[in-house]
Amino acid sequence: MWEFVVHTGTPTLLEGIASIGLILRVQIQRRRLRQSNQWRKQRRMIIQLLLVSTLNIGINFPGNA
């Protein structure tokens, strides 16, 4: 049980937090620079980030369960 939490749960949780943090950081910086939010341009970054995170979590999580 301990190995599952340490080797699977912690990296998955940290990756989710980092992904959300990256999106928030981009939004805060755009607001600070007073640039308008162009969701069409940011949508590609968000989709790529979600796909990479989902793929990584999907590969890591069931393999160790």
PDB file of N, CA and C in Angstrom:
ATOM      1  N   MET A   1       0.824  -1.192   0.000  1.00  0.00           N
ATOM      2  CA  MET A   1       0.000   0.000   0.000  1.00  0.00           C
ATOM      3  C   MET A   1       0.871   1.259   0.000  1.00  0.00           C
ATOM      4  N   TRP A   2       1.906   1.276   0.846  1.00  0.00           N
ATOM      5  CA  TRP A   2       2.782   2.436   0.930  1.00  0.00           C
ATOM      6  C   TRP A   2       3.475   2.702  -0.405  1.00  0.00           C
ATOM      7  N   GLU A   3       3.938   1.634  -1.069  1.00  0.00           N
ATOM      8  CA  GLU A   3       4.614   1.803  -2.361  1.00  0.00           C
ATOM      9  C   GLU A   3       3.662   2.369  -3.407  1.00  0.00           C
ATOM     10  N   PHE A   4       2.415   1.942  -3.385  1.00  0.00           N
ATOM     11  CA  PHE A   4       1.439   2.460  -4.338  1.00  0.00           C
ATOM     12  C   PHE A   4       1.249   3.963  -4.151  1.00  0.00           C
ATOM     13  N   VAL A   5       1.125   4.394  -2.904  1.00  0.00           N
ATOM     14  CA  VAL A   5       0.918   5.817  -2.634  1.00  0.00           C
ATOM     15  C   VAL A   5       2.149   6.620  -3.043  1.00  0.00           C
ATOM     16  N   VAL A   6       3.331   6.135  -2.679  1.00  0.00           N
ATOM     17  CA  VAL A   6       4.558   6.889  -2.934  1.00  0.00           C
ATOM     18  C   VAL A   6       4.933   6.877  -4.410  1.00  0.00           C
ATOM     19  N   HIS A   7       4.858   5.721  -5.056  1.00  0.00           N
ATOM     20  CA  HIS A   7       5.352   5.598  -6.426  1.00  0.00           C
ATOM     21  C   HIS A   7       4.306   5.889  -7.495  1.00  0.00           C
ATOM     22  N   THR A   8       3.044   5.873  -7.152  1.00  0.00           N
ATOM     23  CA  THR A   8       2.001   6.125  -8.147  1.00  0.00           C
ATOM     24  C   THR A   8       1.169   7.350  -7.798  1.00  0.00           C
ATOM     25  N   GLY A   9       0.684   7.420  -6.606  1.00  0.00           N
ATOM     26  CA  GLY A   9      -0.211   8.508  -6.223  1.00  0.00           C
ATOM     27  C   GLY A   9       0.460   9.862  -6.166  1.00  0.00           C
ATOM     28  N   THR A  10       1.644   9.917  -5.575  1.00  0.00           N
ATOM     29  CA  THR A  10       2.336  11.197  -5.438  1.00  0.00           C
ATOM     30  C   THR A  10       2.716  11.804  -6.785  1.00  0.00           C
ATOM     31  N   PRO A  11       3.362  11.057  -7.703  1.00  0.00           N
ATOM     32  CA  PRO A  11       3.687  11.665  -9.006  1.00  0.00           C
ATOM     33  C   PRO A  11       2.447  12.089  -9.792  1.00  0.00           C
ATOM     34  N   THR A  12       1.383  11.321  -9.696  1.00  0.00           N
ATOM     35  CA  THR A  12       0.151  11.679 -10.399  1.00  0.00           C
ATOM     36  C   THR A  12      -0.424  12.973  -9.844  1.00  0.00           C
ATOM     37  N   LEU A  13      -0.449  13.095  -8.542  1.00  0.00           N
ATOM     38  CA  LEU A  13      -0.951  14.310  -7.903  1.00  0.00           C
ATOM     39  C   LEU A  13      -0.079  15.515  -8.248  1.00  0.00           C
ATOM     40  N   LEU A  14       1.237  15.338  -8.201  1.00  0.00           N
ATOM     41  CA  LEU A  14       2.145  16.437  -8.522  1.00  0.00           C
ATOM     42  C   LEU A  14       2.019  16.868  -9.980  1.00  0.00           C
ATOM     43  N   GLU A  15       1.821  15.919 -10.878  1.00  0.00           N
ATOM     44  CA  GLU A  15       1.666  16.275 -12.289  1.00  0.00           C
ATOM     45  C   GLU A  15       0.380  17.067 -12.519  1.00  0.00           C
ATOM     46  N   GLY A  16      -0.683  16.671 -11.855  1.00  0.00           N
ATOM     47  CA  GLY A  16      -1.933  17.418 -11.970  1.00  0.00           C
ATOM     48  C   GLY A  16      -1.805  18.831 -11.437  1.00  0.00           C
ATOM     49  N   ILE A  17      -1.145  18.979 -10.301  1.00  0.00           N
ATOM     50  CA  ILE A  17      -0.941  20.305  -9.719  1.00  0.00           C
ATOM     51  C   ILE A  17      -0.060  21.158 -10.628  1.00  0.00           C
ATOM     52  N   ALA A  18       0.997  20.567 -11.193  1.00  0.00           N
ATOM     53  CA  ALA A  18       1.891  21.315 -12.082  1.00  0.00           C
ATOM     54  C   ALA A  18       1.172  21.755 -13.351  1.00  0.00           C
ATOM     55  N   SER A  19       0.311  20.910 -13.887  1.00  0.00           N
ATOM     56  CA  SER A  19      -0.426  21.267 -15.103  1.00  0.00           C
ATOM     57  C   SER A  19      -1.376  22.433 -14.845  1.00  0.00           C
ATOM     58  N   ILE A  20      -2.101  22.362 -13.751  1.00  0.00           N
ATOM     59  CA  ILE A  20      -3.012  23.458 -13.400  1.00  0.00           C
ATOM     60  C   ILE A  20      -2.216  24.727 -13.109  1.00  0.00           C
ATOM     61  N   GLY A  21      -1.075  24.572 -12.434  1.00  0.00           N
ATOM     62  CA  GLY A  21      -0.226  25.722 -12.142  1.00  0.00           C
ATOM     63  C   GLY A  21       0.300  26.398 -13.394  1.00  0.00           C
ATOM     64  N   LEU A  22       0.639  25.609 -14.408  1.00  0.00           N
ATOM     65  CA  LEU A  22       1.130  26.182 -15.658  1.00  0.00           C
ATOM     66  C   LEU A  22       0.049  27.001 -16.351  1.00  0.00           C
ATOM     67  N   ILE A  23      -1.151  26.476 -16.399  1.00  0.00           N
ATOM     68  CA  ILE A  23      -2.254  27.211 -17.029  1.00  0.00           C
ATOM     69  C   ILE A  23      -2.537  28.500 -16.260  1.00  0.00           C
ATOM     70  N   LEU A  24      -2.551  28.431 -14.934  1.00  0.00           N
ATOM     71  CA  LEU A  24      -2.786  29.633 -14.128  1.00  0.00           C
ATOM     72  C   LEU A  24      -1.668  30.655 -14.298  1.00  0.00           C
ATOM     73  N   ARG A  25      -0.437  30.178 -14.389  1.00  0.00           N
ATOM     74  CA  ARG A  25       0.695  31.085 -14.566  1.00  0.00           C
ATOM     75  C   ARG A  25       0.594  31.850 -15.880  1.00  0.00           C
ATOM     76  N   VAL A  26       0.205  31.166 -16.939  1.00  0.00           N
ATOM     77  CA  VAL A  26       0.036  31.827 -18.233  1.00  0.00           C
ATOM     78  C   VAL A  26      -1.057  32.885 -18.137  1.00  0.00           C
ATOM     79  N   GLN A  27      -2.166  32.551 -17.487  1.00  0.00           N
ATOM     80  CA  GLN A  27      -3.267  33.505 -17.359  1.00  0.00           C
ATOM     81  C   GLN A  27      -2.864  34.730 -16.539  1.00  0.00           C
ATOM     82  N   ILE A  28      -2.152  34.510 -15.445  1.00  0.00           N
ATOM     83  CA  ILE A  28      -1.727  35.623 -14.594  1.00  0.00           C
ATOM     84  C   ILE A  28      -0.744  36.519 -15.340  1.00  0.00           C
ATOM     85  N   GLN A  29       0.189  35.914 -16.070  1.00  0.00           N
ATOM     86  CA  GLN A  29       1.164  36.719 -16.799  1.00  0.00           C
ATOM     87  C   GLN A  29       0.496  37.523 -17.912  1.00  0.00           C
ATOM     88  N   ARG A  30      -0.461  36.945 -18.587  1.00  0.00           N
ATOM     89  CA  ARG A  30      -1.166  37.680 -19.640  1.00  0.00           C
ATOM     90  C   ARG A  30      -1.943  38.848 -19.036  1.00  0.00           C
ATOM     91  N   ARG A  31      -2.518  38.632 -17.877  1.00  0.00           N
ATOM     92  CA  ARG A  31      -3.252  39.713 -17.210  1.00  0.00           C
ATOM     93  C   ARG A  31      -2.291  40.813 -16.760  1.00  0.00           C
ATOM     94  N   ARG A  32      -1.120  40.412 -16.256  1.00  0.00           N
ATOM     95  CA  ARG A  32      -0.135  41.385 -15.798  1.00  0.00           C
ATOM     96  C   ARG A  32       0.390  42.227 -16.964  1.00  0.00           C
ATOM     97  N   LEU A  33       0.560  41.619 -18.123  1.00  0.00           N
ATOM     98  CA  LEU A  33       1.041  42.341 -19.302  1.00  0.00           C
ATOM     99  C   LEU A  33      -0.087  43.055 -20.037  1.00  0.00           C
ATOM    100  N   ARG A  34      -1.289  42.936 -19.498  1.00  0.00           N
ATOM    101  CA  ARG A  34      -2.481  43.578 -20.069  1.00  0.00           C
ATOM    102  C   ARG A  34      -2.741  43.150 -21.513  1.00  0.00           C
ATOM    103  N   GLN A  35      -2.518  41.878 -21.770  1.00  0.00           N
ATOM    104  CA  GLN A  35      -2.828  41.337 -23.091  1.00  0.00           C
ATOM    105  C   GLN A  35      -4.210  40.709 -23.032  1.00  0.00           C
ATOM    106  N   SER A  36      -4.925  40.824 -24.114  1.00  0.00           N
ATOM    107  CA  SER A  36      -6.258  40.229 -24.137  1.00  0.00           C
ATOM    108  C   SER A  36      -6.134  38.710 -24.225  1.00  0.00           C
ATOM    109  N   ASN A  37      -7.088  38.049 -23.615  1.00  0.00           N
ATOM    110  CA  ASN A  37      -7.110  36.591 -23.682  1.00  0.00           C
ATOM    111  C   ASN A  37      -7.642  36.158 -25.032  1.00  0.00           C
ATOM    112  N   GLN A  38      -6.805  35.537 -25.789  1.00  0.00           N
ATOM    113  CA  GLN A  38      -7.217  34.993 -27.072  1.00  0.00           C
ATOM    114  C   GLN A  38      -7.288  33.478 -26.897  1.00  0.00           C
ATOM    115  N   TRP A  39      -8.463  33.009 -26.521  1.00  0.00           N
ATOM    116  CA  TRP A  39      -8.630  31.603 -26.181  1.00  0.00           C
ATOM    117  C   TRP A  39      -8.335  30.694 -27.358  1.00  0.00           C
ATOM    118  N   ARG A  40      -8.503  31.196 -28.561  1.00  0.00           N
ATOM    119  CA  ARG A  40      -8.236  30.373 -29.732  1.00  0.00           C
ATOM    120  C   ARG A  40      -6.761  29.964 -29.780  1.00  0.00           C
ATOM    121  N   LYS A  41      -5.872  30.887 -29.420  1.00  0.00           N
ATOM    122  CA  LYS A  41      -4.442  30.585 -29.415  1.00  0.00           C
ATOM    123  C   LYS A  41      -4.060  29.743 -28.198  1.00  0.00           C
ATOM    124  N   GLN A  42      -4.681  30.016 -27.064  1.00  0.00           N
ATOM    125  CA  GLN A  42      -4.330  29.283 -25.856  1.00  0.00           C
ATOM    126  C   GLN A  42      -4.959  27.898 -25.820  1.00  0.00           C
ATOM    127  N   ARG A  43      -5.997  27.701 -26.598  1.00  0.00           N
ATOM    128  CA  ARG A  43      -6.673  26.405 -26.609  1.00  0.00           C
ATOM    129  C   ARG A  43      -5.712  25.299 -27.034  1.00  0.00           C
ATOM    130  N   ARG A  44      -4.849  25.586 -28.011  1.00  0.00           N
ATOM    131  CA  ARG A  44      -3.904  24.578 -28.494  1.00  0.00           C
ATOM    132  C   ARG A  44      -2.949  24.163 -27.373  1.00  0.00           C
ATOM    133  N   MET A  45      -2.430  25.122 -26.609  1.00  0.00           N
ATOM    134  CA  MET A  45      -1.532  24.810 -25.512  1.00  0.00           C
ATOM    135  C   MET A  45      -2.243  23.975 -24.452  1.00  0.00           C
ATOM    136  N   ILE A  46      -3.475  24.352 -24.127  1.00  0.00           N
ATOM    137  CA  ILE A  46      -4.223  23.631 -23.100  1.00  0.00           C
ATOM    138  C   ILE A  46      -4.532  22.209 -23.554  1.00  0.00           C
ATOM    139  N   ILE A  47      -4.909  22.033 -24.816  1.00  0.00           N
ATOM    140  CA  ILE A  47      -5.203  20.695 -25.335  1.00  0.00           C
ATOM    141  C   ILE A  47      -3.951  19.833 -25.326  1.00  0.00           C
ATOM    142  N   GLN A  48      -2.811  20.380 -25.748  1.00  0.00           N
ATOM    143  CA  GLN A  48      -1.564  19.623 -25.741  1.00  0.00           C
ATOM    144  C   GLN A  48      -1.175  19.233 -24.321  1.00  0.00           C
ATOM    145  N   LEU A  49      -1.309  20.151 -23.390  1.00  0.00           N
ATOM    146  CA  LEU A  49      -0.971  19.870 -22.000  1.00  0.00           C
ATOM    147  C   LEU A  49      -1.863  18.773 -21.430  1.00  0.00           C
ATOM    148  N   LEU A  50      -3.155  18.848 -21.703  1.00  0.00           N
ATOM    149  CA  LEU A  50      -4.078  17.826 -21.206  1.00  0.00           C
ATOM    150  C   LEU A  50      -3.804  16.466 -21.830  1.00  0.00           C
ATOM    151  N   LEU A  51      -3.485  16.434 -23.124  1.00  0.00           N
ATOM    152  CA  LEU A  51      -3.197  15.160 -23.777  1.00  0.00           C
ATOM    153  C   LEU A  51      -1.935  14.511 -23.214  1.00  0.00           C
ATOM    154  N   VAL A  52      -0.882  15.296 -23.039  1.00  0.00           N
ATOM    155  CA  VAL A  52       0.365  14.749 -22.503  1.00  0.00           C
ATOM    156  C   VAL A  52       0.168  14.283 -21.063  1.00  0.00           C
ATOM    157  N   SER A  53      -0.516  15.073 -20.258  1.00  0.00           N
ATOM    158  CA  SER A  53      -0.752  14.690 -18.863  1.00  0.00           C
ATOM    159  C   SER A  53      -1.622  13.440 -18.768  1.00  0.00           C
ATOM    160  N   THR A  54      -2.671  13.388 -19.574  1.00  0.00           N
ATOM    161  CA  THR A  54      -3.559  12.223 -19.558  1.00  0.00           C
ATOM    162  C   THR A  54      -2.829  10.968 -20.008  1.00  0.00           C
ATOM    163  N   LEU A  55      -2.022  11.092 -21.045  1.00  0.00           N
ATOM    164  CA  LEU A  55      -1.257   9.945 -21.527  1.00  0.00           C
ATOM    165  C   LEU A  55      -0.287   9.450 -20.464  1.00  0.00           C
ATOM    166  N   ASN A  56       0.425  10.364 -19.833  1.00  0.00           N
ATOM    167  CA  ASN A  56       1.390   9.982 -18.808  1.00  0.00           C
ATOM    168  C   ASN A  56       0.702   9.357 -17.595  1.00  0.00           C
ATOM    169  N   ILE A  57      -0.373   9.949 -17.137  1.00  0.00           N
ATOM    170  CA  ILE A  57      -1.097   9.393 -15.996  1.00  0.00           C
ATOM    171  C   ILE A  57      -1.708   8.045 -16.366  1.00  0.00           C
ATOM    172  N   GLY A  58      -2.246   7.929 -17.569  1.00  0.00           N
ATOM    173  CA  GLY A  58      -2.841   6.667 -18.014  1.00  0.00           C
ATOM    174  C   GLY A  58      -1.841   5.536 -18.108  1.00  0.00           C
ATOM    175  N   ILE A  59      -0.617   5.853 -18.488  1.00  0.00           N
ATOM    176  CA  ILE A  59       0.420   4.821 -18.579  1.00  0.00           C
ATOM    177  C   ILE A  59       0.926   4.443 -17.194  1.00  0.00           C
ATOM    178  N   ASN A  60       1.139   5.415 -16.338  1.00  0.00           N
ATOM    179  CA  ASN A  60       1.711   5.151 -15.017  1.00  0.00           C
ATOM    180  C   ASN A  60       0.721   4.550 -14.036  1.00  0.00           C
ATOM    181  N   PHE A  61      -0.487   5.039 -14.005  1.00  0.00           N
ATOM    182  CA  PHE A  61      -1.427   4.654 -12.950  1.00  0.00           C
ATOM    183  C   PHE A  61      -1.862   3.191 -13.018  1.00  0.00           C
ATOM    184  N   PRO A  62      -2.417   2.694 -14.134  1.00  0.00           N
ATOM    185  CA  PRO A  62      -2.878   1.306 -14.131  1.00  0.00           C
ATOM    186  C   PRO A  62      -1.745   0.287 -14.082  1.00  0.00           C
ATOM    187  N   GLY A  63      -0.560   0.646 -14.552  1.00  0.00           N
ATOM    188  CA  GLY A  63       0.546  -0.297 -14.581  1.00  0.00           C
ATOM    189  C   GLY A  63       1.009  -0.726 -13.211  1.00  0.00           C
ATOM    190  N   ASN A  64       0.832   0.114 -12.234  1.00  0.00           N
ATOM    191  CA  ASN A  64       1.299  -0.185 -10.886  1.00  0.00           C
ATOM    192  C   ASN A  64       0.180  -0.607  -9.944  1.00  0.00           C
ATOM    193  N   ALA A  65      -1.037  -0.613 -10.416  1.00  0.00           N
ATOM    194  CA  ALA A  65      -2.160  -0.910  -9.527  1.00  0.00           C
ATOM    195  C   ALA A  65      -2.309  -2.370  -9.247  1.00  0.00           C
TER     196      ALA A  65
END
